[in-house]
Protein backbone atom coordinates (compact mmCIF):
# COMPACT_ATOMS: atom_id res chain seq x y z
CA MET A 1 0.14 0.01 0.14
CA PRO A 2 2.10 3.17 -1.16
CA ALA A 3 2.42 5.74 2.19
CA MET A 4 -0.04 8.75 2.52
CA SER A 5 1.39 11.86 1.90
CA GLU A 6 0.82 14.44 4.46
CA PRO A 7 -1.74 16.95 3.88
CA ALA A 8 0.36 20.22 2.75
CA ALA A 9 -0.22 23.79 5.09
CA PRO A 10 -3.00 25.97 4.89
CA ARG A 11 -1.14 28.90 2.94
CA PHE A 12 -2.18 31.86 4.36
CA SER A 13 -2.04 35.20 2.79
CA GLN A 14 -3.06 39.01 4.06
CA PRO A 15 -2.53 42.22 2.10
CA ALA A 16 -1.26 45.17 4.99
CA GLN A 17 -0.20 48.06 4.84
CA LEU A 18 2.92 49.65 6.73
CA HIS A 19 2.16 52.94 9.03
CA ASP A 20 3.66 55.38 6.49
CA GLY A 21 1.43 53.84 4.00
CA ARG A 22 3.40 50.89 1.87
CA PRO A 23 2.28 47.92 0.74
CA VAL A 24 3.03 44.57 1.93
CA LEU A 25 2.14 41.19 2.07
CA ILE A 26 1.87 38.94 5.06
CA ARG A 27 1.91 35.14 3.76
CA SER A 28 2.69 31.94 5.06
CA ILE A 29 6.32 30.94 4.65
CA ARG A 30 7.09 28.98 1.46
CA PRO A 31 9.82 26.09 0.45
CA ASP A 32 11.08 28.48 -2.05
CA ASP A 33 11.70 31.25 0.57
CA ARG A 34 14.73 29.86 0.93
CA GLN A 35 16.84 32.31 -0.24
CA ARG A 36 15.05 34.89 0.21
CA ILE A 37 14.97 34.51 4.11
CA ILE A 38 19.09 33.79 3.36
CA ASP A 39 18.83 37.46 1.73
CA ALA A 40 17.30 39.13 4.16
CA PHE A 41 19.75 37.75 7.34
CA ARG A 42 22.53 39.17 4.78
CA LYS A 43 20.63 42.34 5.07
CA LEU A 44 20.26 42.72 8.82
CA GLU A 45 23.09 45.00 10.81
CA PRO A 46 24.36 42.92 13.64
CA GLU A 47 22.67 44.53 16.53
CA THR A 48 19.73 42.86 14.81
CA ILE A 49 20.68 39.72 15.08
CA TYR A 50 21.84 39.93 18.62
CA THR A 51 18.33 41.14 19.90
CA ARG A 52 16.92 38.01 18.30
CA PHE A 53 19.55 35.52 18.17
CA PHE A 54 21.07 36.57 21.55
CA SER A 55 24.61 36.12 19.92
CA ALA A 56 26.24 37.37 16.91
CA LYS A 57 25.96 35.17 13.85
CA ARG A 58 27.29 35.43 9.86
CA ALA A 59 24.82 33.19 8.62
CA LEU A 60 21.75 30.83 9.27
CA SER A 61 22.33 27.62 9.98
CA GLU A 62 20.75 24.38 8.89
CA ALA A 63 18.93 24.08 12.01
CA ASP A 64 17.88 27.86 11.33
CA LEU A 65 16.46 27.71 7.73
CA SER A 66 14.54 23.81 9.12
CA ARG A 67 11.60 26.51 10.17
CA ILE A 68 11.18 27.13 6.81
CA ASP A 69 9.85 23.51 6.22
CA ALA A 70 8.68 23.07 9.94
CA SER A 71 5.38 25.29 8.73
CA ASP A 72 2.53 22.85 8.85
CA PHE A 73 0.37 25.39 10.62
CA VAL A 74 -0.43 22.79 13.18
CA ARG A 75 3.07 22.71 15.58
CA ALA A 76 4.62 25.39 14.17
CA VAL A 77 3.65 29.09 11.84
CA ALA A 78 5.91 30.92 10.05
CA LEU A 79 4.36 34.43 8.32
CA VAL A 80 6.66 36.80 6.18
CA ALA A 81 6.23 39.72 5.37
CA THR A 82 6.90 40.87 1.44
CA ILE A 83 7.31 43.39 -1.21
CA GLY A 84 7.33 43.07 -4.61
CA GLU A 85 6.32 40.81 -6.09
CA GLY A 86 7.08 37.12 -8.61
CA ASP A 87 11.15 37.39 -8.82
CA ASP A 88 11.37 40.74 -7.13
CA GLU A 89 9.76 39.27 -4.29
CA ILE A 90 12.05 40.84 -0.76
CA ILE A 91 11.56 39.42 2.19
CA ILE A 92 11.58 42.28 4.95
CA GLY A 93 10.36 40.58 7.94
CA GLY A 94 9.18 37.35 9.92
CA GLY A 95 7.04 36.36 12.89
CA ALA A 96 6.49 32.76 14.22
CA TYR A 97 5.59 30.19 17.07
CA THR A 98 6.89 26.78 17.61
CA VAL A 99 4.47 24.80 20.09
CA LEU A 100 6.61 23.06 23.09
CA ASP A 101 6.46 20.03 24.69
CA ARG A 102 4.47 20.79 27.72
CA PRO A 103 2.91 17.49 28.49
CA GLY A 104 0.09 18.81 31.08
CA GLU A 105 -0.04 22.18 30.71
CA PRO A 106 -1.91 24.74 28.21
CA VAL A 107 -0.79 23.96 25.02
CA THR A 108 2.17 27.09 24.67
CA ALA A 109 4.11 28.35 21.99
CA GLU A 110 7.27 30.19 21.95
CA LEU A 111 6.66 33.32 19.45
CA SER A 112 9.59 34.88 17.62
CA PHE A 113 10.15 38.15 15.21
CA THR A 114 12.39 39.82 12.80
CA ILE A 115 12.28 42.85 11.28
CA GLU A 116 14.40 44.56 9.42
CA GLU A 117 15.51 47.80 10.05
CA ASP A 118 14.19 50.04 7.67
CA TYR A 119 11.21 48.81 8.47
CA HIS A 120 11.53 49.30 12.67
CA ALA A 121 8.63 51.23 13.59
CA GLN A 122 6.49 50.44 10.81
CA GLY A 123 3.08 48.27 12.33
CA LEU A 124 5.03 44.74 11.48
CA SER A 125 5.60 43.57 14.74
CA GLY A 126 2.07 44.16 15.76
CA LEU A 127 0.35 42.89 12.86
CA PHE A 128 2.63 39.67 13.05
CA MET A 129 1.73 39.35 16.75
CA ARG A 130 -2.23 39.84 16.16
CA LEU A 131 -2.07 36.89 13.03
CA LEU A 132 0.00 35.05 14.77
CA ALA A 133 -2.58 35.40 17.96
CA GLN A 134 -5.51 34.70 16.02
CA ILE A 135 -4.00 31.75 14.11
CA GLY A 136 -2.70 30.33 17.59
CA ARG A 137 -5.86 30.74 18.92
CA ASP A 138 -7.72 28.48 16.16
CA ARG A 139 -5.38 26.03 16.63
CA GLY A 140 -5.78 25.24 19.85
CA ILE A 141 -2.73 27.36 21.38
CA ARG A 142 -3.12 28.61 24.41
CA ARG A 143 -0.13 31.12 25.82
CA PHE A 144 2.55 32.37 24.22
CA GLU A 145 6.23 32.43 25.06
CA ALA A 146 9.47 34.78 24.18
CA GLU A 147 12.63 35.45 25.88
CA VAL A 148 13.43 39.20 24.63
CA LEU A 149 16.61 40.66 25.66
CA ALA A 150 16.05 43.73 28.53
CA GLY A 151 17.57 46.04 25.95
CA ASN A 152 14.76 45.30 23.18
CA THR A 153 12.41 47.80 24.53
CA PRO A 154 10.16 48.11 21.30
CA MET A 155 10.08 43.66 21.10
CA LEU A 156 8.26 44.96 24.54
CA LYS A 157 6.35 47.29 24.08
CA VAL A 158 4.41 45.10 20.93
CA PHE A 159 3.49 42.98 23.32
CA GLN A 160 2.51 44.95 25.60
CA ARG A 161 -0.10 46.68 23.69
CA SER A 162 -1.00 42.68 22.35
CA GLY A 163 -4.12 43.25 24.93
CA LEU A 164 -3.59 39.78 26.10
CA PRO A 165 -2.65 39.67 29.80
CA MET A 166 1.20 39.09 30.26
CA GLN A 167 3.88 38.48 33.09
CA SER A 168 7.30 39.25 32.86
CA GLN A 169 10.14 38.28 34.56
CA LEU A 170 13.52 39.70 34.31
CA GLU A 171 16.62 37.11 35.12
CA ASP A 172 20.14 37.77 34.09
CA GLY A 173 19.94 40.38 30.81
CA VAL A 174 16.87 38.77 29.77
CA VAL A 175 12.70 39.00 29.87
CA HIS A 176 10.86 35.78 29.89
CA VAL A 177 7.49 37.12 28.91
CA VAL A 178 3.76 34.75 28.90
CA MET A 179 0.63 35.82 27.28
CA GLU A 180 -2.21 34.07 27.76
CA LEU A 181 -4.32 34.21 24.41
CA GLY A 182 -7.80 33.21 26.19
CA PRO A 183 -10.19 32.66 24.03
CA GLN A 184 -11.48 34.10 20.47
CA PRO A 185 -12.48 38.20 21.13
CA ALA A 186 -15.89 38.87 20.16
């Protein structure tokens, strides 16, 4: 009997607008995004890389790139913000969550964002936050967690402005944030 293939992850796509009026597309990551992700990473400033990965990195590892294929909309969701179309499409940011294995606890996912510097303060992280919370709730996620460097005030403000009940704890320069998703808002 032939092996059953897994169903393809749902495709998410939503046009959006930055605070300055520029149009972007928020969509699910695709296998053909590998080179776009590598190119986007190469454009990041060292400080942005450090705030995302908590260390200096010159290139993405295979483990980092494996998130592209892992986005199944069940245990992992990865969204990207793009400008341009076709061969000219450029990834300018991303937001993702991955379900953590914690039997006996509410379903919890680790949340992460990376935004290219030219697009900071344009509302992308807040948009990713809202979309990931909506997708997460629909898939039974009850809690988001994130680790944020204490000096990353803009990211901490995104979490505070999310409207989600939030707890945070500072330890060794890292803020551990826990946000309760609760039921779908009316």
